[in-house]
Amino acid sequence: MIAFESTKLSGALARLAAAGAVLLLLAGGLQGEAAAQFKSPIPEPEYLLYGGANHSVFLGCLNCSRFDSRSVWNKLSPYGSEYDGDTIWNKISAYGSPYKPLSPWHPQSFDGPVVKDSEGRSYGTFTRNVHDEDRTKVESLLWLLNNYDYVIANLDEVRLRH
């Protein structure tokens, strides 16, 4: 019985340590080798953003590295530029203005872009509209939507974290 209890305790401690590492990583507390050693047991899919009519316009990858040419975090790519017409960062474009219905940043729009993975599975609408029942449930994407003002004001700093 003691061996069984010890095994249960070891498993619980391992899960607690993993959860703590995730929280530290998200908070920016794990650096260097510790961050490189920690790997999530469940790989996250690439979250690909599609907007426009029938959601046929590719707007970039939301969780790809800032060095990826498809990334919304790569300011040299057409998806991460603040000046390209089809980018969520162009404040006067259809997809980047908080006043345009196709933009994820419009707080009342139900026509924002959708998030899909490479196999076409949907992860909901990428929108600030909290009343949209199809709004994404992905926590990292919700953080981005809920912190729009901070992200826009500190875009270069936020890019460095991706």
N, C-alpha and C. Protein backbone atom coordinates (compact mmCIF):
# COMPACT_ATOMS: atom_id res chain seq x y z
N MET A 1 0.81 -1.19 0.00
CA MET A 1 0.00 0.00 0.00
C MET A 1 0.86 1.27 0.00
N ILE A 2 1.97 1.24 0.74
CA ILE A 2 2.85 2.41 0.80
C ILE A 2 3.47 2.67 -0.57
N ALA A 3 3.87 1.60 -1.29
CA ALA A 3 4.46 1.76 -2.62
C ALA A 3 3.44 2.38 -3.58
N PHE A 4 2.18 1.94 -3.48
CA PHE A 4 1.13 2.48 -4.34
C PHE A 4 0.91 3.96 -4.06
N GLU A 5 0.84 4.34 -2.78
CA GLU A 5 0.67 5.74 -2.40
C GLU A 5 1.84 6.57 -2.87
N SER A 6 3.06 6.03 -2.78
CA SER A 6 4.25 6.73 -3.22
C SER A 6 4.21 6.98 -4.72
N THR A 7 3.74 5.99 -5.49
CA THR A 7 3.63 6.14 -6.93
C THR A 7 2.61 7.22 -7.27
N LYS A 8 1.47 7.22 -6.59
CA LYS A 8 0.45 8.24 -6.82
C LYS A 8 1.00 9.63 -6.51
N LEU A 9 1.73 9.73 -5.41
CA LEU A 9 2.31 11.00 -5.02
C LEU A 9 3.34 11.48 -6.05
N SER A 10 4.18 10.56 -6.55
CA SER A 10 5.18 10.92 -7.56
C SER A 10 4.51 11.43 -8.83
N GLY A 11 3.44 10.74 -9.24
CA GLY A 11 2.71 11.18 -10.44
C GLY A 11 2.10 12.55 -10.25
N ALA A 12 1.52 12.78 -9.07
CA ALA A 12 0.91 14.07 -8.78
C ALA A 12 1.96 15.17 -8.76
N LEU A 13 3.11 14.90 -8.18
CA LEU A 13 4.19 15.89 -8.14
C LEU A 13 4.71 16.20 -9.54
N ALA A 14 4.81 15.18 -10.37
CA ALA A 14 5.27 15.39 -11.74
C ALA A 14 4.29 16.27 -12.51
N ARG A 15 2.98 16.01 -12.33
CA ARG A 15 1.97 16.84 -13.00
C ARG A 15 2.01 18.28 -12.48
N LEU A 16 2.20 18.44 -11.19
CA LEU A 16 2.29 19.76 -10.60
C LEU A 16 3.51 20.52 -11.12
N ALA A 17 4.64 19.83 -11.23
CA ALA A 17 5.86 20.46 -11.75
C ALA A 17 5.67 20.87 -13.21
N ALA A 18 5.02 20.02 -14.01
CA ALA A 18 4.77 20.35 -15.41
C ALA A 18 3.86 21.56 -15.53
N ALA A 19 2.81 21.61 -14.70
CA ALA A 19 1.89 22.75 -14.72
C ALA A 19 2.62 24.02 -14.32
N GLY A 20 3.48 23.93 -13.32
CA GLY A 20 4.27 25.09 -12.90
C GLY A 20 5.20 25.57 -14.00
N ALA A 21 5.80 24.64 -14.73
CA ALA A 21 6.69 25.00 -15.83
C ALA A 21 5.92 25.71 -16.94
N VAL A 22 4.70 25.24 -17.22
CA VAL A 22 3.88 25.90 -18.24
C VAL A 22 3.58 27.33 -17.82
N LEU A 23 3.18 27.52 -16.57
CA LEU A 23 2.88 28.87 -16.08
C LEU A 23 4.11 29.77 -16.14
N LEU A 24 5.26 29.24 -15.75
CA LEU A 24 6.49 30.03 -15.83
C LEU A 24 6.84 30.39 -17.26
N LEU A 25 6.68 29.43 -18.16
CA LEU A 25 6.97 29.67 -19.57
C LEU A 25 6.06 30.76 -20.12
N LEU A 26 4.76 30.67 -19.82
CA LEU A 26 3.81 31.67 -20.30
C LEU A 26 4.10 33.04 -19.70
N ALA A 27 4.56 33.08 -18.48
CA ALA A 27 4.85 34.34 -17.82
C ALA A 27 6.23 34.88 -18.18
N GLY A 28 6.97 34.13 -18.97
CA GLY A 28 8.31 34.57 -19.36
C GLY A 28 9.36 34.23 -18.33
N GLY A 29 9.03 33.33 -17.38
CA GLY A 29 9.95 33.01 -16.29
C GLY A 29 10.97 31.95 -16.62
N LEU A 30 10.71 31.10 -17.60
CA LEU A 30 11.70 30.09 -17.98
C LEU A 30 12.56 30.66 -19.10
N GLN A 31 13.83 30.61 -18.92
CA GLN A 31 14.74 31.16 -19.91
C GLN A 31 15.77 30.12 -20.33
N GLY A 32 16.37 30.33 -21.47
CA GLY A 32 17.50 29.53 -21.93
C GLY A 32 17.23 28.04 -21.95
N GLU A 33 18.13 27.30 -21.30
CA GLU A 33 18.10 25.84 -21.32
C GLU A 33 16.81 25.28 -20.72
N ALA A 34 16.32 25.89 -19.65
CA ALA A 34 15.08 25.41 -19.00
C ALA A 34 13.91 25.53 -19.96
N ALA A 35 13.82 26.63 -20.71
CA ALA A 35 12.73 26.80 -21.67
C ALA A 35 12.89 25.82 -22.82
N ALA A 36 14.11 25.57 -23.26
CA ALA A 36 14.36 24.65 -24.37
C ALA A 36 14.03 23.22 -23.98
N GLN A 37 14.24 22.86 -22.71
CA GLN A 37 13.98 21.49 -22.26
C GLN A 37 12.50 21.21 -22.10
N PHE A 38 11.70 22.25 -21.78
CA PHE A 38 10.28 22.03 -21.55
C PHE A 38 9.56 21.93 -22.88
N LYS A 39 8.84 20.84 -23.07
CA LYS A 39 8.05 20.65 -24.28
C LYS A 39 6.65 20.25 -23.84
N SER A 40 5.66 20.87 -24.43
CA SER A 40 4.28 20.51 -24.12
C SER A 40 4.02 19.09 -24.60
N PRO A 41 3.31 18.28 -23.81
CA PRO A 41 3.03 16.92 -24.23
C PRO A 41 2.05 16.87 -25.41
N ILE A 42 1.28 17.92 -25.62
CA ILE A 42 0.33 17.97 -26.74
C ILE A 42 0.77 19.08 -27.68
N PRO A 43 1.23 18.71 -28.88
CA PRO A 43 1.68 19.76 -29.80
C PRO A 43 0.49 20.62 -30.25
N GLU A 44 0.72 21.91 -30.31
CA GLU A 44 -0.31 22.84 -30.74
C GLU A 44 -0.29 22.91 -32.26
N PRO A 45 -1.46 22.88 -32.91
CA PRO A 45 -1.47 23.01 -34.37
C PRO A 45 -1.11 24.44 -34.77
N GLU A 46 -0.77 24.62 -36.02
CA GLU A 46 -0.58 25.98 -36.52
C GLU A 46 -1.97 26.59 -36.68
N TYR A 47 -2.17 27.75 -36.08
CA TYR A 47 -3.45 28.45 -36.18
C TYR A 47 -3.38 29.40 -37.36
N LEU A 48 -4.08 29.04 -38.43
CA LEU A 48 -4.06 29.79 -39.68
C LEU A 48 -5.31 30.65 -39.77
N LEU A 49 -5.15 31.89 -40.18
CA LEU A 49 -6.23 32.85 -40.18
C LEU A 49 -6.72 33.10 -41.61
N TYR A 50 -8.05 33.01 -41.78
CA TYR A 50 -8.67 33.23 -43.09
C TYR A 50 -9.80 34.24 -42.96
N GLY A 51 -9.81 35.23 -43.85
CA GLY A 51 -10.85 36.25 -43.82
C GLY A 51 -11.46 36.44 -45.19
N GLY A 52 -12.25 37.50 -45.31
CA GLY A 52 -12.88 37.83 -46.58
C GLY A 52 -14.10 36.99 -46.88
N ALA A 53 -14.59 37.14 -48.11
CA ALA A 53 -15.76 36.39 -48.56
C ALA A 53 -15.46 34.90 -48.50
N ASN A 54 -16.34 34.15 -47.88
CA ASN A 54 -16.17 32.69 -47.71
C ASN A 54 -14.88 32.32 -47.01
N HIS A 55 -14.29 33.26 -46.32
CA HIS A 55 -13.02 33.02 -45.60
C HIS A 55 -11.98 32.40 -46.52
N SER A 56 -11.82 33.00 -47.69
CA SER A 56 -10.89 32.47 -48.70
C SER A 56 -9.57 33.24 -48.78
N VAL A 57 -9.43 34.31 -48.01
CA VAL A 57 -8.20 35.12 -48.04
C VAL A 57 -7.33 34.71 -46.86
N PHE A 58 -6.14 34.18 -47.16
CA PHE A 58 -5.20 33.79 -46.11
C PHE A 58 -4.59 35.04 -45.50
N LEU A 59 -4.71 35.16 -44.17
CA LEU A 59 -4.21 36.35 -43.47
C LEU A 59 -2.98 36.08 -42.62
N GLY A 60 -2.51 34.83 -42.60
CA GLY A 60 -1.28 34.53 -41.89
C GLY A 60 -1.46 33.49 -40.79
N CYS A 61 -0.33 33.12 -40.23
CA CYS A 61 -0.28 32.13 -39.16
C CYS A 61 -0.14 32.86 -37.83
N LEU A 62 -1.04 32.56 -36.90
CA LEU A 62 -1.09 33.28 -35.63
C LEU A 62 -0.07 32.81 -34.60
N ASN A 63 0.40 31.58 -34.71
CA ASN A 63 1.33 31.08 -33.70
C ASN A 63 2.62 30.53 -34.30
N CYS A 64 2.93 30.92 -35.52
CA CYS A 64 4.20 30.54 -36.13
C CYS A 64 5.30 31.50 -35.65
N SER A 65 6.52 31.05 -35.77
CA SER A 65 7.68 31.86 -35.40
C SER A 65 7.70 33.17 -36.18
N ARG A 66 8.25 34.19 -35.57
CA ARG A 66 8.36 35.48 -36.27
C ARG A 66 9.30 35.41 -37.47
N PHE A 67 10.01 34.30 -37.63
CA PHE A 67 10.90 34.13 -38.77
C PHE A 67 10.20 33.40 -39.93
N ASP A 68 9.04 32.87 -39.69
CA ASP A 68 8.26 32.16 -40.71
C ASP A 68 7.64 33.19 -41.66
N SER A 69 7.75 32.97 -42.95
CA SER A 69 7.22 33.93 -43.93
C SER A 69 5.70 34.04 -43.91
N ARG A 70 5.02 33.07 -43.29
CA ARG A 70 3.55 33.11 -43.19
C ARG A 70 3.07 33.73 -41.88
N SER A 71 3.98 34.07 -41.01
CA SER A 71 3.63 34.52 -39.66
C SER A 71 3.12 35.95 -39.62
N VAL A 72 2.09 36.18 -38.80
CA VAL A 72 1.62 37.55 -38.58
C VAL A 72 2.62 38.33 -37.72
N TRP A 73 3.59 37.64 -37.16
CA TRP A 73 4.60 38.27 -36.31
C TRP A 73 5.85 38.67 -37.08
N ASN A 74 5.95 38.28 -38.36
CA ASN A 74 7.10 38.60 -39.20
C ASN A 74 6.81 39.92 -39.92
N LYS A 75 7.39 41.01 -39.44
CA LYS A 75 7.06 42.32 -40.00
C LYS A 75 7.56 42.50 -41.43
N LEU A 76 8.41 41.58 -41.91
CA LEU A 76 8.88 41.66 -43.29
C LEU A 76 8.02 40.84 -44.25
N SER A 77 7.06 40.11 -43.71
CA SER A 77 6.19 39.30 -44.56
C SER A 77 4.91 40.08 -44.88
N PRO A 78 4.21 39.67 -45.92
CA PRO A 78 2.95 40.36 -46.24
C PRO A 78 1.88 40.17 -45.16
N TYR A 79 2.05 39.19 -44.28
CA TYR A 79 1.05 38.91 -43.24
C TYR A 79 1.37 39.63 -41.93
N GLY A 80 2.59 40.04 -41.76
CA GLY A 80 3.00 40.71 -40.54
C GLY A 80 3.27 42.19 -40.70
N SER A 81 3.25 42.66 -41.95
CA SER A 81 3.51 44.06 -42.24
C SER A 81 2.39 44.95 -41.70
N GLU A 82 2.75 46.14 -41.30
CA GLU A 82 1.76 47.12 -40.87
C GLU A 82 1.26 47.95 -42.06
N TYR A 83 1.82 47.68 -43.26
CA TYR A 83 1.50 48.50 -44.42
C TYR A 83 0.82 47.74 -45.54
N ASP A 84 0.95 46.44 -45.57
CA ASP A 84 0.31 45.64 -46.62
C ASP A 84 -1.21 45.73 -46.48
N GLY A 85 -1.92 45.64 -47.58
CA GLY A 85 -3.38 45.77 -47.55
C GLY A 85 -4.11 44.64 -46.86
N ASP A 86 -3.60 43.42 -46.96
CA ASP A 86 -4.28 42.25 -46.39
C ASP A 86 -3.59 41.76 -45.14
N THR A 87 -3.47 42.63 -44.15
CA THR A 87 -2.83 42.27 -42.90
C THR A 87 -3.67 42.76 -41.73
N ILE A 88 -3.63 42.02 -40.64
CA ILE A 88 -4.39 42.42 -39.46
C ILE A 88 -3.73 43.56 -38.70
N TRP A 89 -2.52 43.96 -39.11
CA TRP A 89 -1.81 45.03 -38.41
C TRP A 89 -1.94 46.39 -39.10
N ASN A 90 -2.48 46.43 -40.32
CA ASN A 90 -2.67 47.70 -41.03
C ASN A 90 -3.94 48.35 -40.49
N LYS A 91 -3.78 49.43 -39.75
CA LYS A 91 -4.89 50.05 -39.02
C LYS A 91 -5.96 50.68 -39.91
N ILE A 92 -5.69 50.80 -41.24
CA ILE A 92 -6.70 51.36 -42.13
C ILE A 92 -7.20 50.34 -43.16
N SER A 93 -6.74 49.10 -43.04
CA SER A 93 -7.17 48.08 -44.01
C SER A 93 -8.45 47.39 -43.56
N ALA A 94 -9.04 46.64 -44.47
CA ALA A 94 -10.27 45.89 -44.18
C ALA A 94 -10.07 44.89 -43.05
N TYR A 95 -8.85 44.37 -42.91
CA TYR A 95 -8.59 43.33 -41.91
C TYR A 95 -7.89 43.84 -40.66
N GLY A 96 -7.47 45.09 -40.65
CA GLY A 96 -6.72 45.61 -39.52
C GLY A 96 -7.37 46.76 -38.78
N SER A 97 -8.35 47.38 -39.39
CA SER A 97 -9.01 48.52 -38.77
C SER A 97 -10.03 48.07 -37.73
N PRO A 98 -10.03 48.69 -36.57
CA PRO A 98 -11.05 48.34 -35.57
C PRO A 98 -12.44 48.85 -35.95
N TYR A 99 -12.56 49.52 -37.11
CA TYR A 99 -13.84 50.06 -37.56
C TYR A 99 -14.41 49.29 -38.75
N LYS A 100 -13.68 48.30 -39.25
CA LYS A 100 -14.13 47.55 -40.43
C LYS A 100 -14.70 46.19 -39.99
N PRO A 101 -15.83 45.78 -40.56
CA PRO A 101 -16.49 44.55 -40.11
C PRO A 101 -15.71 43.26 -40.38
N LEU A 102 -14.79 43.26 -41.34
CA LEU A 102 -14.00 42.06 -41.63
C LEU A 102 -12.79 41.92 -40.71
N SER A 103 -12.55 42.92 -39.91
CA SER A 103 -11.39 42.94 -39.02
C SER A 103 -11.67 42.19 -37.72
N PRO A 104 -10.68 41.45 -37.22
CA PRO A 104 -10.87 40.81 -35.92
C PRO A 104 -10.93 41.83 -34.78
N TRP A 105 -10.47 43.04 -35.05
CA TRP A 105 -10.37 44.06 -34.00
C TRP A 105 -11.66 44.86 -33.82
N HIS A 106 -12.63 44.71 -34.72
CA HIS A 106 -13.91 45.40 -34.58
C HIS A 106 -14.68 44.77 -33.42
N PRO A 107 -15.00 45.54 -32.39
CA PRO A 107 -15.58 44.94 -31.18
C PRO A 107 -17.01 44.41 -31.31
N GLN A 108 -17.73 44.78 -32.40
CA GLN A 108 -19.10 44.28 -32.57
C GLN A 108 -19.31 43.43 -33.82
N SER A 109 -18.26 43.19 -34.56
CA SER A 109 -18.41 42.46 -35.83
C SER A 109 -18.65 40.96 -35.63
N PHE A 110 -19.51 40.42 -36.48
CA PHE A 110 -19.73 38.98 -36.54
C PHE A 110 -19.12 38.42 -37.84
N ASP A 111 -18.38 39.24 -38.59
CA ASP A 111 -17.83 38.86 -39.89
C ASP A 111 -16.31 38.74 -39.89
N GLY A 112 -15.72 38.58 -38.72
CA GLY A 112 -14.26 38.50 -38.63
C GLY A 112 -13.70 37.22 -39.22
N PRO A 113 -12.39 37.15 -39.29
CA PRO A 113 -11.74 35.96 -39.86
C PRO A 113 -11.90 34.73 -38.96
N VAL A 114 -11.70 33.57 -39.57
CA VAL A 114 -11.79 32.31 -38.83
C VAL A 114 -10.40 31.70 -38.68
N VAL A 115 -10.24 30.89 -37.65
CA VAL A 115 -8.99 30.20 -37.37
C VAL A 115 -9.17 28.74 -37.74
N LYS A 116 -8.23 28.23 -38.55
CA LYS A 116 -8.24 26.82 -38.95
C LYS A 116 -6.83 26.26 -38.81
N ASP A 117 -6.73 24.94 -38.79
CA ASP A 117 -5.41 24.34 -38.84
C ASP A 117 -5.16 23.87 -40.27
N SER A 118 -4.01 23.26 -40.50
CA SER A 118 -3.63 22.86 -41.86
C SER A 118 -4.52 21.77 -42.43
N GLU A 119 -5.29 21.09 -41.56
CA GLU A 119 -6.20 20.05 -42.03
C GLU A 119 -7.63 20.55 -42.15
N GLY A 120 -7.83 21.85 -41.94
CA GLY A 120 -9.15 22.45 -42.12
C GLY A 120 -10.04 22.44 -40.89
N ARG A 121 -9.54 21.93 -39.76
CA ARG A 121 -10.35 21.97 -38.54
C ARG A 121 -10.50 23.42 -38.08
N SER A 122 -11.71 23.77 -37.68
CA SER A 122 -11.99 25.14 -37.26
C SER A 122 -11.77 25.31 -35.76
N TYR A 123 -11.22 26.47 -35.40
CA TYR A 123 -11.01 26.84 -34.01
C TYR A 123 -11.78 28.12 -33.68
N GLY A 124 -12.80 28.41 -34.46
CA GLY A 124 -13.69 29.52 -34.19
C GLY A 124 -13.30 30.80 -34.92
N THR A 125 -14.09 31.83 -34.63
CA THR A 125 -13.88 33.14 -35.22
C THR A 125 -12.86 33.92 -34.39
N PHE A 126 -11.92 34.53 -35.05
CA PHE A 126 -10.91 35.37 -34.39
C PHE A 126 -11.48 36.77 -34.33
N THR A 127 -12.16 37.08 -33.22
CA THR A 127 -12.84 38.37 -33.10
C THR A 127 -12.82 38.86 -31.66
N ARG A 128 -12.81 40.18 -31.53
CA ARG A 128 -12.91 40.80 -30.20
C ARG A 128 -14.35 40.78 -29.69
N ASN A 129 -15.28 40.48 -30.56
CA ASN A 129 -16.69 40.49 -30.18
C ASN A 129 -17.00 39.35 -29.21
N VAL A 130 -17.18 39.68 -27.95
CA VAL A 130 -17.43 38.67 -26.92
C VAL A 130 -18.83 38.07 -27.03
N HIS A 131 -19.69 38.66 -27.86
CA HIS A 131 -21.04 38.14 -28.05
C HIS A 131 -21.14 37.17 -29.22
N ASP A 132 -20.06 36.98 -29.95
CA ASP A 132 -20.04 36.03 -31.07
C ASP A 132 -19.91 34.62 -30.49
N GLU A 133 -20.95 33.81 -30.65
CA GLU A 133 -20.95 32.45 -30.10
C GLU A 133 -19.87 31.56 -30.71
N ASP A 134 -19.41 31.93 -31.91
CA ASP A 134 -18.37 31.14 -32.59
C ASP A 134 -16.97 31.65 -32.28
N ARG A 135 -16.84 32.62 -31.37
CA ARG A 135 -15.53 33.17 -31.02
C ARG A 135 -14.60 32.04 -30.56
N THR A 136 -13.35 32.13 -30.98
CA THR A 136 -12.38 31.10 -30.62
C THR A 136 -12.32 30.89 -29.11
N LYS A 137 -11.98 29.67 -28.73
CA LYS A 137 -11.82 29.34 -27.31
C LYS A 137 -10.34 29.09 -26.98
N VAL A 138 -9.47 29.23 -27.97
CA VAL A 138 -8.04 29.01 -27.78
C VAL A 138 -7.48 30.12 -26.89
N GLU A 139 -6.96 29.74 -25.73
CA GLU A 139 -6.54 30.73 -24.73
C GLU A 139 -5.50 31.72 -25.23
N SER A 140 -4.50 31.25 -25.96
CA SER A 140 -3.46 32.17 -26.44
C SER A 140 -4.02 33.19 -27.43
N LEU A 141 -5.00 32.77 -28.21
CA LEU A 141 -5.63 33.69 -29.17
C LEU A 141 -6.58 34.66 -28.45
N LEU A 142 -7.25 34.17 -27.43
CA LEU A 142 -8.11 35.05 -26.62
C LEU A 142 -7.28 36.12 -25.93
N TRP A 143 -6.08 35.76 -25.47
CA TRP A 143 -5.21 36.75 -24.85
C TRP A 143 -4.91 37.87 -25.85
N LEU A 144 -4.59 37.49 -27.06
CA LEU A 144 -4.28 38.47 -28.10
C LEU A 144 -5.48 39.38 -28.37
N LEU A 145 -6.67 38.78 -28.49
CA LEU A 145 -7.88 39.56 -28.75
C LEU A 145 -8.23 40.48 -27.57
N ASN A 146 -8.11 39.96 -26.37
CA ASN A 146 -8.48 40.72 -25.18
C ASN A 146 -7.48 41.81 -24.84
N ASN A 147 -6.29 41.72 -25.38
CA ASN A 147 -5.23 42.70 -25.10
C ASN A 147 -4.84 43.47 -26.34
N TYR A 148 -5.79 43.68 -27.23
CA TYR A 148 -5.55 44.37 -28.50
C TYR A 148 -4.84 45.71 -28.32
N ASP A 149 -5.33 46.54 -27.40
CA ASP A 149 -4.74 47.87 -27.21
C ASP A 149 -3.26 47.77 -26.82
N TYR A 150 -2.94 46.85 -25.93
CA TYR A 150 -1.56 46.65 -25.52
C TYR A 150 -0.72 46.14 -26.70
N VAL A 151 -1.24 45.16 -27.42
CA VAL A 151 -0.50 44.57 -28.53
C VAL A 151 -0.21 45.61 -29.60
N ILE A 152 -1.20 46.40 -29.98
CA ILE A 152 -1.00 47.43 -31.00
C ILE A 152 0.00 48.48 -30.54
N ALA A 153 -0.08 48.88 -29.28
CA ALA A 153 0.83 49.91 -28.76
C ALA A 153 2.26 49.39 -28.61
N ASN A 154 2.41 48.06 -28.49
CA ASN A 154 3.73 47.46 -28.24
C ASN A 154 4.03 46.35 -29.25
N LEU A 155 3.61 46.54 -30.49
CA LEU A 155 3.69 45.48 -31.49
C LEU A 155 5.10 44.93 -31.68
N ASP A 156 6.09 45.80 -31.77
CA ASP A 156 7.47 45.31 -31.96
C ASP A 156 7.94 44.47 -30.78
N GLU A 157 7.60 44.88 -29.57
CA GLU A 157 7.97 44.11 -28.37
C GLU A 157 7.24 42.76 -28.35
N VAL A 158 5.97 42.76 -28.68
CA VAL A 158 5.19 41.52 -28.68
C VAL A 158 5.73 40.56 -29.75
N ARG A 159 6.13 41.09 -30.89
CA ARG A 159 6.70 40.27 -31.98
C ARG A 159 7.92 39.49 -31.50
N LEU A 160 8.73 40.11 -30.67
CA LEU A 160 9.95 39.47 -30.19
C LEU A 160 9.67 38.21 -29.38
N ARG A 161 8.48 38.09 -28.85
CA ARG A 161 8.12 36.92 -28.05
C ARG A 161 7.65 35.76 -28.90
N HIS A 162 7.55 35.96 -30.18
CA HIS A 162 7.07 34.90 -31.07
C HIS A 162 8.21 34.46 -31.92
